[in-house]
Amino acid sequence: MAVAERVNPTVVQIRSERVIRRQPFRWNPFEGTPFEEFFNFRMPDMPEEFRSQGLGSGVIIRADGYIVTNNHVVEGADELQVVLHDGTTYDAEVVGTDPQSDLAVLKIDAENLPTSPWATPVRCGSGSGCWPSARRCRPSSATR
């Protein structure tokens, strides 16, 4: 079985949506001067709130619905949806985040999901980058 055939079902699409509220623009720097009417700073009727949508990806890490993704994909989201490889859509909730490492864990209400295999950790020497799936260490590009 090719790697893509094994991994593709574990990769998900993450849709995020948040409501953005803005303060209406009401200030005219020419107010009270002869130029007030000439430089009319009234903005057209713009909504004071609108929905911002985002899109990202993640990987199913547990068959009971846990998904790992990037924190920036879910940060500030009011609504999250996860779309599986077969097109099935689930609402998701954030279980945990780590903004410093840009990681987040989501949970969907599903079971018996395909999961991505994790490599076995290997020991590497100082200054080496690890490629666990290759089961050996190779020099890191940063140390070359």
N, C-alpha and C. Protein backbone atom coordinates (compact mmCIF):
# COMPACT_ATOMS: atom_id res chain seq x y z
N MET A 1 0.85 -1.17 0.00
CA MET A 1 0.00 0.00 0.00
C MET A 1 0.89 1.24 0.00
N ALA A 2 0.63 2.18 -0.88
CA ALA A 2 1.41 3.42 -0.96
C ALA A 2 1.14 4.29 0.26
N VAL A 3 2.12 5.12 0.59
CA VAL A 3 2.00 5.99 1.77
C VAL A 3 0.77 6.88 1.66
N ALA A 4 0.54 7.49 0.50
CA ALA A 4 -0.60 8.38 0.33
C ALA A 4 -1.92 7.65 0.56
N GLU A 5 -2.03 6.42 0.09
CA GLU A 5 -3.26 5.65 0.28
C GLU A 5 -3.51 5.40 1.76
N ARG A 6 -2.45 5.23 2.53
CA ARG A 6 -2.57 4.97 3.97
C ARG A 6 -2.86 6.25 4.76
N VAL A 7 -2.24 7.34 4.35
CA VAL A 7 -2.33 8.57 5.13
C VAL A 7 -3.50 9.47 4.75
N ASN A 8 -3.87 9.53 3.47
CA ASN A 8 -4.93 10.45 3.03
C ASN A 8 -6.21 10.39 3.86
N PRO A 9 -6.72 9.23 4.22
CA PRO A 9 -7.95 9.20 5.01
C PRO A 9 -7.82 9.83 6.40
N THR A 10 -6.60 10.02 6.87
CA THR A 10 -6.40 10.61 8.20
C THR A 10 -6.24 12.12 8.16
N VAL A 11 -6.09 12.68 6.97
CA VAL A 11 -5.93 14.13 6.82
C VAL A 11 -7.31 14.76 6.69
N VAL A 12 -7.54 15.83 7.46
CA VAL A 12 -8.85 16.48 7.46
C VAL A 12 -8.72 17.94 7.09
N GLN A 13 -9.83 18.50 6.66
CA GLN A 13 -9.92 19.93 6.40
C GLN A 13 -10.59 20.57 7.62
N ILE A 14 -10.07 21.70 8.05
CA ILE A 14 -10.63 22.40 9.20
C ILE A 14 -11.13 23.76 8.73
N ARG A 15 -12.41 24.02 8.97
CA ARG A 15 -13.02 25.29 8.61
C ARG A 15 -13.28 26.07 9.90
N SER A 16 -12.81 27.30 9.93
CA SER A 16 -13.04 28.13 11.11
C SER A 16 -13.81 29.37 10.71
N GLU A 17 -14.57 29.87 11.65
CA GLU A 17 -15.34 31.08 11.41
C GLU A 17 -15.38 31.87 12.70
N ARG A 18 -15.21 33.18 12.57
CA ARG A 18 -15.33 34.04 13.74
C ARG A 18 -16.03 35.32 13.35
N VAL A 19 -16.67 35.91 14.32
CA VAL A 19 -17.37 37.16 14.11
C VAL A 19 -16.41 38.29 14.46
N ILE A 20 -16.24 39.21 13.52
CA ILE A 20 -15.38 40.37 13.72
C ILE A 20 -16.29 41.57 13.95
N ARG A 21 -16.07 42.25 15.04
CA ARG A 21 -16.84 43.46 15.33
C ARG A 21 -15.92 44.66 15.16
N ARG A 22 -16.39 45.66 14.48
CA ARG A 22 -15.58 46.85 14.29
C ARG A 22 -16.35 48.07 14.79
N GLN A 23 -15.60 49.05 15.19
CA GLN A 23 -16.20 50.31 15.60
C GLN A 23 -16.51 51.12 14.34
N PRO A 24 -17.68 51.69 14.27
CA PRO A 24 -17.99 52.49 13.09
C PRO A 24 -17.07 53.71 13.00
N PHE A 25 -16.71 54.08 11.79
CA PHE A 25 -15.84 55.22 11.55
C PHE A 25 -16.70 56.47 11.55
N ARG A 26 -16.54 57.31 12.55
CA ARG A 26 -17.38 58.50 12.67
C ARG A 26 -16.57 59.80 12.76
N TRP A 27 -15.27 59.72 12.74
CA TRP A 27 -14.45 60.91 12.95
C TRP A 27 -14.10 61.58 11.63
N ASN A 28 -14.28 62.88 11.56
CA ASN A 28 -13.94 63.66 10.38
C ASN A 28 -12.92 64.71 10.81
N PRO A 29 -11.68 64.59 10.32
CA PRO A 29 -10.67 65.54 10.76
C PRO A 29 -10.96 66.99 10.31
N PHE A 30 -11.88 67.16 9.37
CA PHE A 30 -12.20 68.50 8.88
C PHE A 30 -13.48 69.05 9.51
N GLU A 31 -14.01 68.35 10.50
CA GLU A 31 -15.24 68.78 11.14
C GLU A 31 -15.07 70.17 11.73
N GLY A 32 -16.06 71.03 11.45
CA GLY A 32 -16.03 72.39 11.98
C GLY A 32 -15.21 73.36 11.14
N THR A 33 -14.71 72.91 9.99
CA THR A 33 -13.94 73.79 9.11
C THR A 33 -14.70 73.98 7.81
N PRO A 34 -14.28 74.92 6.99
CA PRO A 34 -14.96 75.11 5.69
C PRO A 34 -14.82 73.90 4.77
N PHE A 35 -13.88 73.00 5.07
CA PHE A 35 -13.67 71.83 4.22
C PHE A 35 -14.51 70.62 4.62
N GLU A 36 -15.31 70.76 5.67
CA GLU A 36 -16.08 69.63 6.19
C GLU A 36 -16.95 68.97 5.14
N GLU A 37 -17.68 69.77 4.35
CA GLU A 37 -18.57 69.20 3.33
C GLU A 37 -17.78 68.68 2.13
N PHE A 38 -16.68 69.34 1.80
CA PHE A 38 -15.88 68.92 0.65
C PHE A 38 -15.22 67.57 0.91
N PHE A 39 -14.64 67.42 2.11
CA PHE A 39 -14.02 66.15 2.49
C PHE A 39 -14.96 65.40 3.42
N ASN A 40 -16.02 64.91 2.88
CA ASN A 40 -17.03 64.22 3.69
C ASN A 40 -16.48 62.84 4.06
N PHE A 41 -16.15 62.63 5.32
CA PHE A 41 -15.53 61.39 5.76
C PHE A 41 -16.55 60.36 6.23
N ARG A 42 -17.78 60.53 5.89
CA ARG A 42 -18.76 59.51 6.27
C ARG A 42 -18.54 58.27 5.41
N MET A 43 -18.43 57.16 6.05
CA MET A 43 -18.22 55.91 5.33
C MET A 43 -19.57 55.40 4.85
N PRO A 44 -19.57 54.68 3.74
CA PRO A 44 -20.83 54.07 3.30
C PRO A 44 -21.30 53.09 4.37
N ASP A 45 -22.54 52.73 4.27
CA ASP A 45 -23.10 51.83 5.27
C ASP A 45 -22.35 50.50 5.25
N MET A 46 -21.42 50.38 6.17
CA MET A 46 -20.66 49.14 6.32
C MET A 46 -21.17 48.42 7.56
N PRO A 47 -21.25 47.12 7.49
CA PRO A 47 -21.72 46.40 8.67
C PRO A 47 -20.75 46.58 9.84
N GLU A 48 -21.31 46.62 11.04
CA GLU A 48 -20.46 46.75 12.23
C GLU A 48 -19.91 45.41 12.66
N GLU A 49 -20.43 44.35 12.10
CA GLU A 49 -19.85 43.03 12.35
C GLU A 49 -19.97 42.19 11.08
N PHE A 50 -18.98 41.33 10.90
CA PHE A 50 -19.01 40.43 9.76
C PHE A 50 -18.31 39.14 10.14
N ARG A 51 -18.49 38.12 9.32
CA ARG A 51 -17.91 36.81 9.60
C ARG A 51 -16.64 36.63 8.77
N SER A 52 -15.60 36.20 9.46
CA SER A 52 -14.33 35.92 8.81
C SER A 52 -14.15 34.40 8.78
N GLN A 53 -13.81 33.87 7.63
CA GLN A 53 -13.66 32.42 7.50
C GLN A 53 -12.21 32.05 7.25
N GLY A 54 -11.80 30.93 7.82
CA GLY A 54 -10.45 30.43 7.64
C GLY A 54 -10.49 28.96 7.24
N LEU A 55 -9.37 28.49 6.73
CA LEU A 55 -9.28 27.12 6.27
C LEU A 55 -7.91 26.58 6.62
N GLY A 56 -7.87 25.34 7.08
CA GLY A 56 -6.60 24.71 7.42
C GLY A 56 -6.72 23.21 7.30
N SER A 57 -5.72 22.51 7.78
CA SER A 57 -5.75 21.05 7.74
C SER A 57 -5.31 20.50 9.08
N GLY A 58 -5.56 19.23 9.26
CA GLY A 58 -5.16 18.55 10.49
C GLY A 58 -5.03 17.07 10.21
N VAL A 59 -4.65 16.34 11.26
CA VAL A 59 -4.47 14.90 11.14
C VAL A 59 -5.17 14.21 12.31
N ILE A 60 -5.92 13.18 12.01
CA ILE A 60 -6.59 12.40 13.05
C ILE A 60 -5.53 11.59 13.79
N ILE A 61 -5.46 11.78 15.12
CA ILE A 61 -4.44 11.07 15.89
C ILE A 61 -5.02 9.98 16.79
N ARG A 62 -6.35 10.00 16.99
CA ARG A 62 -6.99 8.93 17.76
C ARG A 62 -8.31 8.58 17.11
N ALA A 63 -8.64 7.32 17.13
CA ALA A 63 -9.85 6.83 16.46
C ALA A 63 -11.13 7.39 17.07
N ASP A 64 -11.05 7.93 18.31
CA ASP A 64 -12.24 8.48 18.95
C ASP A 64 -12.40 9.98 18.71
N GLY A 65 -11.73 10.53 17.68
CA GLY A 65 -12.03 11.88 17.24
C GLY A 65 -11.07 12.98 17.63
N TYR A 66 -9.87 12.65 18.08
CA TYR A 66 -8.89 13.69 18.40
C TYR A 66 -8.06 14.01 17.17
N ILE A 67 -7.88 15.31 16.94
CA ILE A 67 -7.21 15.80 15.74
C ILE A 67 -6.16 16.83 16.14
N VAL A 68 -4.98 16.74 15.54
CA VAL A 68 -3.95 17.75 15.79
C VAL A 68 -3.89 18.68 14.57
N THR A 69 -3.75 19.98 14.86
CA THR A 69 -3.69 20.99 13.82
C THR A 69 -2.80 22.13 14.31
N ASN A 70 -2.75 23.21 13.54
CA ASN A 70 -2.00 24.38 13.96
C ASN A 70 -2.88 25.32 14.77
N ASN A 71 -2.29 25.93 15.79
CA ASN A 71 -3.02 26.86 16.63
C ASN A 71 -3.57 28.04 15.81
N HIS A 72 -2.78 28.55 14.87
CA HIS A 72 -3.24 29.72 14.12
C HIS A 72 -4.49 29.42 13.28
N VAL A 73 -4.76 28.16 13.02
CA VAL A 73 -5.96 27.78 12.27
C VAL A 73 -7.22 27.96 13.12
N VAL A 74 -7.11 27.70 14.43
CA VAL A 74 -8.29 27.70 15.29
C VAL A 74 -8.34 28.89 16.25
N GLU A 75 -7.26 29.65 16.35
CA GLU A 75 -7.19 30.74 17.31
C GLU A 75 -8.28 31.78 17.05
N GLY A 76 -9.05 32.08 18.07
CA GLY A 76 -10.10 33.09 17.98
C GLY A 76 -11.36 32.65 17.27
N ALA A 77 -11.45 31.40 16.87
CA ALA A 77 -12.61 30.92 16.11
C ALA A 77 -13.84 30.80 17.02
N ASP A 78 -14.98 31.22 16.51
CA ASP A 78 -16.24 31.04 17.21
C ASP A 78 -16.89 29.71 16.85
N GLU A 79 -16.62 29.25 15.64
CA GLU A 79 -17.16 27.97 15.16
C GLU A 79 -16.07 27.22 14.42
N LEU A 80 -16.03 25.90 14.63
CA LEU A 80 -15.06 25.04 13.94
C LEU A 80 -15.78 23.84 13.36
N GLN A 81 -15.42 23.49 12.14
CA GLN A 81 -15.93 22.29 11.51
C GLN A 81 -14.76 21.51 10.93
N VAL A 82 -14.89 20.19 11.00
CA VAL A 82 -13.88 19.29 10.44
C VAL A 82 -14.54 18.49 9.33
N VAL A 83 -13.88 18.47 8.17
CA VAL A 83 -14.38 17.70 7.03
C VAL A 83 -13.41 16.54 6.80
N LEU A 84 -13.94 15.32 6.89
CA LEU A 84 -13.13 14.13 6.69
C LEU A 84 -12.88 13.89 5.20
N HIS A 85 -11.97 12.97 4.93
CA HIS A 85 -11.58 12.62 3.56
C HIS A 85 -12.79 12.19 2.72
N ASP A 86 -13.79 11.56 3.37
CA ASP A 86 -14.97 11.09 2.64
C ASP A 86 -16.05 12.16 2.51
N GLY A 87 -15.78 13.39 3.02
CA GLY A 87 -16.74 14.49 2.91
C GLY A 87 -17.63 14.68 4.12
N THR A 88 -17.60 13.76 5.08
CA THR A 88 -18.41 13.89 6.28
C THR A 88 -17.93 15.09 7.09
N THR A 89 -18.89 15.89 7.57
CA THR A 89 -18.57 17.11 8.31
C THR A 89 -19.03 16.98 9.77
N TYR A 90 -18.16 17.42 10.67
CA TYR A 90 -18.45 17.40 12.11
C TYR A 90 -18.15 18.78 12.71
N ASP A 91 -18.94 19.16 13.71
CA ASP A 91 -18.58 20.31 14.52
C ASP A 91 -17.43 19.88 15.42
N ALA A 92 -16.53 20.80 15.71
CA ALA A 92 -15.35 20.47 16.52
C ALA A 92 -15.22 21.45 17.68
N GLU A 93 -14.56 20.98 18.72
CA GLU A 93 -14.25 21.86 19.84
C GLU A 93 -12.76 21.78 20.13
N VAL A 94 -12.21 22.88 20.60
CA VAL A 94 -10.80 22.94 20.94
C VAL A 94 -10.61 22.29 22.30
N VAL A 95 -9.70 21.31 22.35
CA VAL A 95 -9.38 20.62 23.60
C VAL A 95 -8.19 21.28 24.28
N GLY A 96 -7.22 21.71 23.48
CA GLY A 96 -6.05 22.36 24.03
C GLY A 96 -5.26 23.07 22.95
N THR A 97 -4.50 24.08 23.37
CA THR A 97 -3.67 24.83 22.43
C THR A 97 -2.32 25.13 23.05
N ASP A 98 -1.34 25.34 22.21
CA ASP A 98 -0.03 25.82 22.62
C ASP A 98 0.42 26.82 21.57
N PRO A 99 0.11 28.11 21.79
CA PRO A 99 0.46 29.13 20.79
C PRO A 99 1.95 29.20 20.49
N GLN A 100 2.78 28.93 21.49
CA GLN A 100 4.23 29.03 21.27
C GLN A 100 4.72 28.03 20.23
N SER A 101 4.20 26.81 20.28
CA SER A 101 4.60 25.80 19.29
C SER A 101 3.62 25.75 18.11
N ASP A 102 2.58 26.59 18.14
CA ASP A 102 1.57 26.66 17.08
C ASP A 102 0.85 25.33 16.88
N LEU A 103 0.54 24.65 17.99
CA LEU A 103 -0.20 23.39 17.94
C LEU A 103 -1.53 23.52 18.66
N ALA A 104 -2.51 22.77 18.17
CA ALA A 104 -3.82 22.71 18.81
C ALA A 104 -4.37 21.30 18.64
N VAL A 105 -5.20 20.90 19.60
CA VAL A 105 -5.88 19.60 19.54
C VAL A 105 -7.38 19.88 19.53
N LEU A 106 -8.07 19.25 18.59
CA LEU A 106 -9.51 19.36 18.46
C LEU A 106 -10.15 18.02 18.77
N LYS A 107 -11.45 18.05 19.07
CA LYS A 107 -12.20 16.82 19.31
C LYS A 107 -13.49 16.91 18.51
N ILE A 108 -13.78 15.83 17.78
CA ILE A 108 -15.07 15.70 17.09
C ILE A 108 -15.79 14.50 17.68
N ASP A 109 -17.09 14.49 17.56
CA ASP A 109 -17.90 13.40 18.11
C ASP A 109 -18.02 12.29 17.06
N ALA A 110 -16.99 11.46 17.00
CA ALA A 110 -16.96 10.36 16.03
C ALA A 110 -16.13 9.22 16.61
N GLU A 111 -16.33 8.04 16.07
CA GLU A 111 -15.57 6.87 16.53
C GLU A 111 -15.13 6.05 15.32
N ASN A 112 -14.18 5.16 15.58
CA ASN A 112 -13.65 4.26 14.55
C ASN A 112 -13.09 5.01 13.34
N LEU A 113 -12.44 6.12 13.62
CA LEU A 113 -11.82 6.91 12.55
C LEU A 113 -10.45 6.33 12.20
N PRO A 114 -10.02 6.51 10.97
CA PRO A 114 -8.65 6.08 10.62
C PRO A 114 -7.66 7.01 11.31
N THR A 115 -6.54 6.49 11.72
CA THR A 115 -5.53 7.31 12.39
C THR A 115 -4.21 7.23 11.63
N SER A 116 -3.43 8.28 11.79
CA SER A 116 -2.12 8.32 11.15
C SER A 116 -1.13 7.57 12.04
N PRO A 117 -0.31 6.69 11.46
CA PRO A 117 0.66 5.97 12.28
C PRO A 117 1.75 6.91 12.77
N TRP A 118 2.18 6.71 14.01
CA TRP A 118 3.24 7.52 14.58
C TRP A 118 4.53 6.73 14.55
N ALA A 119 5.60 7.40 14.28
CA ALA A 119 6.91 6.75 14.21
C ALA A 119 7.40 6.42 15.61
N THR A 120 8.24 5.43 15.70
CA THR A 120 8.87 5.07 16.96
C THR A 120 10.04 6.02 17.22
N PRO A 121 10.11 6.61 18.42
CA PRO A 121 11.22 7.53 18.69
C PRO A 121 12.57 6.80 18.63
N VAL A 122 13.57 7.50 18.16
CA VAL A 122 14.92 6.96 18.12
C VAL A 122 15.86 7.94 18.78
N ARG A 123 16.99 7.45 19.24
CA ARG A 123 17.99 8.31 19.86
C ARG A 123 18.92 8.83 18.77
N CYS A 124 19.17 10.11 18.86
CA CYS A 124 20.10 10.73 17.92
C CYS A 124 21.18 11.43 18.71
N GLY A 125 22.29 11.53 18.09
CA GLY A 125 23.40 12.23 18.72
C GLY A 125 23.20 13.73 18.68
N SER A 126 23.97 14.43 19.47
CA SER A 126 23.91 15.87 19.52
C SER A 126 24.20 16.47 18.15
N GLY A 127 23.40 17.45 17.74
CA GLY A 127 23.61 18.10 16.46
C GLY A 127 23.02 17.36 15.28
N SER A 128 22.26 16.29 15.53
CA SER A 128 21.66 15.52 14.44
C SER A 128 20.16 15.75 14.42
N GLY A 129 19.59 15.69 13.25
CA GLY A 129 18.15 15.72 13.12
C GLY A 129 17.66 14.29 13.05
N CYS A 130 16.51 14.01 13.64
CA CYS A 130 16.00 12.64 13.66
C CYS A 130 14.96 12.43 12.57
N TRP A 131 15.06 11.34 11.91
CA TRP A 131 14.05 10.89 10.98
C TRP A 131 13.54 9.56 11.50
N PRO A 132 12.59 9.59 12.46
CA PRO A 132 12.16 8.35 13.10
C PRO A 132 11.65 7.29 12.13
N SER A 133 10.99 7.72 11.06
CA SER A 133 10.46 6.71 10.16
C SER A 133 11.58 5.98 9.42
N ALA A 134 12.73 6.62 9.28
CA ALA A 134 13.87 5.98 8.63
C ALA A 134 14.68 5.16 9.64
N ARG A 135 14.36 5.32 10.92
CA ARG A 135 15.01 4.61 12.02
C ARG A 135 16.52 4.83 12.06
N ARG A 136 16.95 5.99 11.67
CA ARG A 136 18.35 6.34 11.77
C ARG A 136 18.46 7.88 11.83
N CYS A 137 19.62 8.34 12.19
CA CYS A 137 19.83 9.78 12.29
C CYS A 137 20.62 10.26 11.10
N ARG A 138 20.31 11.46 10.69
CA ARG A 138 21.05 12.09 9.60
C ARG A 138 21.44 13.48 10.08
N PRO A 139 22.52 13.99 9.57
CA PRO A 139 22.91 15.34 9.98
C PRO A 139 21.83 16.34 9.66
N SER A 140 21.55 17.22 10.60
CA SER A 140 20.57 18.26 10.38
C SER A 140 21.10 19.26 9.37
N SER A 141 20.21 19.83 8.58
CA SER A 141 20.64 20.81 7.59
C SER A 141 21.20 22.04 8.29
N ALA A 142 20.81 22.28 9.54
CA ALA A 142 21.31 23.43 10.28
C ALA A 142 22.77 23.23 10.71
N THR A 143 23.25 21.97 10.75
CA THR A 143 24.61 21.72 11.21
C THR A 143 25.57 21.46 10.05
N ARG A 144 25.07 21.50 8.83
CA ARG A 144 25.91 21.24 7.65
C ARG A 144 26.73 22.46 7.30
